[in-house]
N, C-alpha and C. Protein backbone atom coordinates (compact mmCIF):
# COMPACT_ATOMS: atom_id res chain seq x y z
N MET A 1 20.84 44.75 -62.59
CA MET A 1 21.75 45.62 -63.29
C MET A 1 23.19 45.10 -63.18
N ARG A 2 23.57 44.58 -62.01
CA ARG A 2 24.93 44.07 -61.85
C ARG A 2 25.22 42.96 -62.85
N TYR A 3 24.25 42.07 -63.04
CA TYR A 3 24.43 40.97 -63.98
C TYR A 3 24.70 41.49 -65.39
N MET A 4 23.97 42.52 -65.80
CA MET A 4 24.17 43.07 -67.15
C MET A 4 25.57 43.69 -67.28
N LEU A 5 26.03 44.36 -66.24
CA LEU A 5 27.38 44.95 -66.28
C LEU A 5 28.44 43.86 -66.34
N GLU A 6 28.24 42.79 -65.57
CA GLU A 6 29.20 41.69 -65.59
C GLU A 6 29.23 41.01 -66.96
N LYS A 7 28.06 40.79 -67.51
CA LYS A 7 27.95 40.08 -68.78
C LYS A 7 28.38 40.93 -69.98
N ASN A 8 27.87 42.15 -70.07
CA ASN A 8 28.11 42.98 -71.24
C ASN A 8 29.45 43.69 -71.25
N PHE A 9 30.00 43.98 -70.07
CA PHE A 9 31.24 44.75 -70.01
C PHE A 9 32.35 44.01 -69.28
N ASP A 10 32.20 42.71 -69.09
CA ASP A 10 33.20 41.89 -68.40
C ASP A 10 33.52 42.45 -67.02
N GLY A 11 32.52 43.00 -66.35
CA GLY A 11 32.73 43.53 -65.01
C GLY A 11 32.89 42.42 -64.00
N ARG A 12 33.59 42.71 -62.93
CA ARG A 12 33.82 41.73 -61.87
C ARG A 12 33.41 42.36 -60.54
N HIS A 13 32.52 41.71 -59.82
CA HIS A 13 32.03 42.21 -58.55
C HIS A 13 33.00 41.81 -57.44
N PHE A 14 33.34 42.78 -56.57
CA PHE A 14 34.25 42.53 -55.46
C PHE A 14 33.72 43.20 -54.20
N MET A 15 34.10 42.65 -53.08
CA MET A 15 33.92 43.31 -51.79
C MET A 15 35.34 43.59 -51.29
N ILE A 16 35.64 44.86 -51.09
CA ILE A 16 36.99 45.27 -50.70
C ILE A 16 36.97 45.70 -49.25
N LYS A 17 37.91 45.17 -48.46
CA LYS A 17 37.98 45.53 -47.04
C LYS A 17 38.77 46.83 -46.90
N SER A 18 38.18 47.81 -46.17
CA SER A 18 38.86 49.08 -45.97
C SER A 18 40.03 48.89 -45.00
N HIS A 19 41.05 49.67 -45.19
CA HIS A 19 42.22 49.60 -44.29
C HIS A 19 41.93 50.26 -42.95
N TYR A 20 41.00 51.19 -42.95
CA TYR A 20 40.71 51.97 -41.74
C TYR A 20 40.04 51.14 -40.65
N ASP A 21 38.88 50.56 -40.97
CA ASP A 21 38.14 49.83 -39.93
C ASP A 21 37.62 48.46 -40.37
N GLY A 22 38.04 48.02 -41.55
CA GLY A 22 37.64 46.70 -42.01
C GLY A 22 36.27 46.64 -42.65
N THR A 23 35.61 47.79 -42.80
CA THR A 23 34.31 47.84 -43.46
C THR A 23 34.43 47.29 -44.88
N LEU A 24 33.45 46.51 -45.30
CA LEU A 24 33.46 45.98 -46.66
C LEU A 24 32.84 46.99 -47.61
N ILE A 25 33.53 47.26 -48.71
CA ILE A 25 33.08 48.22 -49.71
C ILE A 25 32.68 47.44 -50.95
N ASP A 26 31.44 47.64 -51.39
CA ASP A 26 30.92 46.98 -52.58
C ASP A 26 31.52 47.65 -53.81
N ALA A 27 32.11 46.88 -54.73
CA ALA A 27 32.80 47.47 -55.88
C ALA A 27 32.63 46.62 -57.13
N MET A 28 32.80 47.25 -58.29
CA MET A 28 32.84 46.57 -59.58
C MET A 28 34.15 46.95 -60.25
N PHE A 29 34.78 45.99 -60.91
CA PHE A 29 36.01 46.24 -61.65
C PHE A 29 35.75 45.98 -63.12
N PHE A 30 36.12 46.94 -63.96
CA PHE A 30 36.00 46.80 -65.40
C PHE A 30 37.40 46.90 -65.98
N PRO A 31 37.94 45.81 -66.51
CA PRO A 31 39.31 45.83 -67.01
C PRO A 31 39.46 46.72 -68.24
N ALA A 32 40.66 47.26 -68.41
CA ALA A 32 40.95 48.12 -69.55
C ALA A 32 41.22 47.30 -70.82
N THR A 33 41.38 46.02 -70.66
CA THR A 33 41.62 45.14 -71.80
C THR A 33 40.63 43.99 -71.77
N SER A 34 40.65 43.16 -72.78
CA SER A 34 39.73 42.02 -72.83
C SER A 34 40.35 40.74 -72.25
N GLU A 35 41.46 40.89 -71.54
CA GLU A 35 42.12 39.73 -70.94
C GLU A 35 41.30 39.15 -69.79
N LYS A 36 41.59 37.91 -69.47
CA LYS A 36 40.97 37.27 -68.31
C LYS A 36 41.37 38.04 -67.06
N ILE A 37 40.42 38.23 -66.15
CA ILE A 37 40.69 38.91 -64.88
C ILE A 37 41.11 37.87 -63.86
N TYR A 38 42.24 38.10 -63.23
CA TYR A 38 42.76 37.17 -62.23
C TYR A 38 42.56 37.72 -60.84
N LEU A 39 42.38 36.83 -59.88
CA LEU A 39 42.31 37.22 -58.48
C LEU A 39 43.71 37.43 -57.95
N LYS A 40 43.82 38.16 -56.86
CA LYS A 40 45.12 38.46 -56.25
C LYS A 40 45.91 37.18 -55.96
N ASP A 41 45.25 36.17 -55.43
CA ASP A 41 45.92 34.91 -55.11
C ASP A 41 46.42 34.19 -56.35
N GLU A 42 45.69 34.33 -57.47
CA GLU A 42 46.11 33.69 -58.71
C GLU A 42 47.38 34.35 -59.27
N LEU A 43 47.54 35.64 -59.04
CA LEU A 43 48.70 36.36 -59.56
C LEU A 43 49.91 36.26 -58.63
N LYS A 44 49.65 36.01 -57.36
CA LYS A 44 50.70 36.00 -56.34
C LYS A 44 51.85 35.05 -56.67
N ASN A 45 51.55 33.83 -57.00
CA ASN A 45 52.57 32.81 -57.26
C ASN A 45 52.63 32.43 -58.73
N SER A 46 52.50 33.42 -59.58
CA SER A 46 52.45 33.15 -61.00
C SER A 46 53.30 34.14 -61.78
N SER A 47 53.69 33.74 -62.96
CA SER A 47 54.45 34.64 -63.83
C SER A 47 53.50 35.44 -64.73
N ILE A 48 52.20 35.25 -64.56
CA ILE A 48 51.20 35.96 -65.36
C ILE A 48 51.18 37.42 -64.94
N LYS A 49 51.32 38.32 -65.90
CA LYS A 49 51.24 39.75 -65.64
C LYS A 49 50.34 40.37 -66.71
N PRO A 50 49.03 40.39 -66.49
CA PRO A 50 48.11 40.92 -67.49
C PRO A 50 48.33 42.41 -67.74
N ASP A 51 48.05 42.85 -68.96
CA ASP A 51 48.23 44.25 -69.35
C ASP A 51 47.38 45.21 -68.53
N TYR A 52 46.19 44.76 -68.09
CA TYR A 52 45.31 45.69 -67.39
C TYR A 52 45.90 46.17 -66.07
N ILE A 53 46.89 45.47 -65.54
CA ILE A 53 47.54 45.91 -64.30
C ILE A 53 48.32 47.19 -64.53
N ASN A 54 48.83 47.39 -65.74
CA ASN A 54 49.62 48.57 -66.06
C ASN A 54 48.79 49.73 -66.59
N ASN A 55 47.48 49.56 -66.70
CA ASN A 55 46.59 50.59 -67.21
C ASN A 55 45.90 51.30 -66.05
N PRO A 56 45.37 52.51 -66.30
CA PRO A 56 44.69 53.26 -65.23
C PRO A 56 43.46 52.52 -64.70
N THR A 57 43.15 52.77 -63.46
CA THR A 57 41.96 52.22 -62.82
C THR A 57 41.06 53.38 -62.41
N VAL A 58 39.78 53.27 -62.67
CA VAL A 58 38.82 54.30 -62.28
C VAL A 58 38.06 53.79 -61.06
N ILE A 59 38.01 54.61 -60.03
CA ILE A 59 37.27 54.25 -58.82
C ILE A 59 36.13 55.23 -58.66
N MET A 60 34.91 54.72 -58.57
CA MET A 60 33.74 55.56 -58.35
C MET A 60 33.31 55.40 -56.91
N CYS A 61 33.33 56.48 -56.18
CA CYS A 61 33.04 56.43 -54.75
C CYS A 61 31.69 57.04 -54.42
N ASN A 62 30.66 56.32 -54.71
CA ASN A 62 29.31 56.73 -54.38
C ASN A 62 28.56 55.43 -54.09
N PRO A 63 27.56 55.43 -53.23
CA PRO A 63 26.86 54.18 -52.98
C PRO A 63 26.46 53.48 -54.27
N ASN A 64 27.01 52.33 -54.49
CA ASN A 64 26.78 51.51 -55.68
C ASN A 64 27.20 52.20 -56.96
N ALA A 65 27.98 53.26 -56.87
CA ALA A 65 28.54 53.97 -58.02
C ALA A 65 27.47 54.31 -59.07
N PHE A 66 26.24 54.46 -58.64
CA PHE A 66 25.11 54.77 -59.51
C PHE A 66 24.85 53.71 -60.57
N PHE A 67 25.40 52.51 -60.42
CA PHE A 67 25.25 51.51 -61.46
C PHE A 67 24.32 50.36 -61.10
N TYR A 68 24.34 49.86 -59.91
CA TYR A 68 23.52 48.70 -59.59
C TYR A 68 22.99 48.78 -58.19
């Protein structure tokens, strides 16, 4: 299922470290635009500012967000 979400909806799979105890949280990101998704390190030293950064982000907090 994850592959279909990545392929059909340009989803990006991430593991996010929690600030509380360092637990890794399994997550998917679906951009609000069709722009290329950049990693944090790619944006850090760059003048690139994609539009999706200024758009709302939806976070689903359930094991695997019922998707995969």
